[in-house]
Amino acid sequence: MEILIIGGALFGAVLGRFFKVLVLIPAGALAIAVLLVKREVAGHTWLDFFLGIGLLIASLVLGYVAGLISTHISTAAQGIRGFLARSRRRASSRTSPTR
């Protein structure tokens, strides 16, 4: 189960970087199908099945959000660097009073 959750988060991060949010619907359906097949093979209870669905979809969504944020990190860092460079130029262009 832990491998499925980690895999769901990584898969969600990839989806977040390259696709829009509606791709989570078929990805969630795929996750449910994987858990349904796993349940039939291993013979878990229905409570385990629904808990697994909730955890897998939550990890998929959190991975999606992390992937979505990671696409904008470089843009934000460049904006911060530009702001700091402008503020340094303004501070160095001011002349200090001489005695």
Protein backbone atom coordinates (compact mmCIF):
# COMPACT_ATOMS: atom_id res chain seq x y z
CA MET A 1 0.00 0.00 0.00
CA GLU A 2 2.84 2.38 0.81
CA ILE A 3 4.34 1.89 -2.63
CA LEU A 4 1.01 2.72 -4.25
CA ILE A 5 0.71 5.93 -2.23
CA ILE A 6 4.25 7.06 -3.06
CA GLY A 7 3.73 6.10 -6.69
CA GLY A 8 0.47 8.04 -6.73
CA ALA A 9 2.20 11.14 -5.42
CA LEU A 10 4.96 10.88 -8.01
CA PHE A 11 2.45 10.22 -10.77
CA GLY A 12 0.44 13.24 -9.58
CA ALA A 13 3.56 15.41 -9.68
CA VAL A 14 4.18 14.44 -13.29
CA LEU A 15 0.55 15.15 -14.14
CA GLY A 16 0.76 18.52 -12.38
CA ARG A 17 3.73 19.59 -14.45
CA PHE A 18 2.27 18.75 -17.84
CA PHE A 19 -1.55 18.54 -17.68
CA LYS A 20 -4.58 20.45 -16.47
CA VAL A 21 -6.60 19.47 -13.40
CA LEU A 22 -9.21 17.45 -15.30
CA VAL A 23 -6.63 14.72 -15.90
CA LEU A 24 -7.09 13.75 -12.25
CA ILE A 25 -10.49 12.22 -13.06
CA PRO A 26 -9.17 9.40 -15.29
CA ALA A 27 -6.09 9.07 -13.07
CA GLY A 28 -8.34 8.57 -10.04
CA ALA A 29 -10.41 6.03 -11.95
CA LEU A 30 -7.22 4.20 -12.85
CA ALA A 31 -6.17 4.23 -9.19
CA ILE A 32 -9.52 2.78 -8.14
CA ALA A 33 -9.19 0.05 -10.79
CA VAL A 34 -5.70 -0.84 -9.53
CA LEU A 35 -6.97 -1.08 -5.97
CA LEU A 36 -9.98 -3.14 -7.05
CA VAL A 37 -7.71 -5.64 -8.81
CA LYS A 38 -5.40 -5.70 -5.78
CA ARG A 39 -8.38 -6.31 -3.50
CA GLU A 40 -9.56 -9.25 -5.59
CA VAL A 41 -6.11 -10.83 -5.52
CA ALA A 42 -5.27 -10.20 -1.86
CA GLY A 43 -8.77 -10.47 -0.39
CA HIS A 44 -8.82 -7.34 1.80
CA THR A 45 -11.95 -6.01 3.50
CA TRP A 46 -14.12 -3.26 2.09
CA LEU A 47 -12.92 -0.87 4.79
CA ASP A 48 -9.33 -1.37 3.66
CA PHE A 49 -10.45 -0.84 0.08
CA PHE A 50 -12.17 2.50 0.77
CA LEU A 51 -9.35 3.69 3.00
CA GLY A 52 -6.91 2.82 0.23
CA ILE A 53 -8.96 4.75 -2.31
CA GLY A 54 -9.00 7.81 -0.08
CA LEU A 55 -5.29 7.69 0.61
CA LEU A 56 -4.35 7.05 -3.00
CA ILE A 57 -6.52 9.86 -4.36
CA ALA A 58 -5.23 12.23 -1.66
CA SER A 59 -1.63 11.39 -2.55
CA LEU A 60 -2.44 11.85 -6.25
CA VAL A 61 -3.91 15.29 -5.59
CA LEU A 62 -1.06 16.36 -3.29
CA GLY A 63 1.44 15.21 -5.90
CA TYR A 64 -0.48 17.17 -8.54
CA VAL A 65 -0.31 20.33 -6.42
CA ALA A 66 3.42 19.83 -5.82
CA GLY A 67 4.00 19.39 -9.56
CA LEU A 68 1.91 22.45 -10.30
CA ILE A 69 3.89 24.55 -7.82
CA SER A 70 7.21 23.25 -9.15
CA THR A 71 6.46 24.70 -12.60
CA HIS A 72 6.35 28.21 -11.15
CA ILE A 73 9.29 28.07 -8.76
CA SER A 74 11.88 29.16 -11.34
CA THR A 75 9.71 32.10 -12.47
CA ALA A 76 9.26 33.26 -8.88
CA ALA A 77 12.98 32.92 -8.17
CA GLN A 78 13.85 35.03 -11.22
CA GLY A 79 11.39 37.70 -10.10
CA ILE A 80 12.93 37.79 -6.62
CA ARG A 81 16.46 37.98 -8.08
CA GLY A 82 15.41 40.85 -10.34
CA PHE A 83 13.84 42.72 -7.44
CA LEU A 84 16.96 42.31 -5.31
CA ALA A 85 19.21 43.44 -8.17
CA ARG A 86 17.10 46.59 -8.72
CA SER A 87 17.12 47.43 -5.03
CA ARG A 88 20.92 47.04 -4.88
CA ARG A 89 21.40 49.32 -7.88
CA ARG A 90 19.21 51.97 -6.29
CA ALA A 91 21.11 51.77 -3.01
CA SER A 92 24.52 51.99 -4.71
CA SER A 93 23.45 54.89 -6.97
CA ARG A 94 22.68 57.09 -3.97
CA THR A 95 25.61 59.21 -2.97
CA SER A 96 26.58 59.32 0.64
CA PRO A 97 27.28 62.74 2.16
CA THR A 98 30.95 63.56 2.46
CA ARG A 99 32.44 65.59 5.22
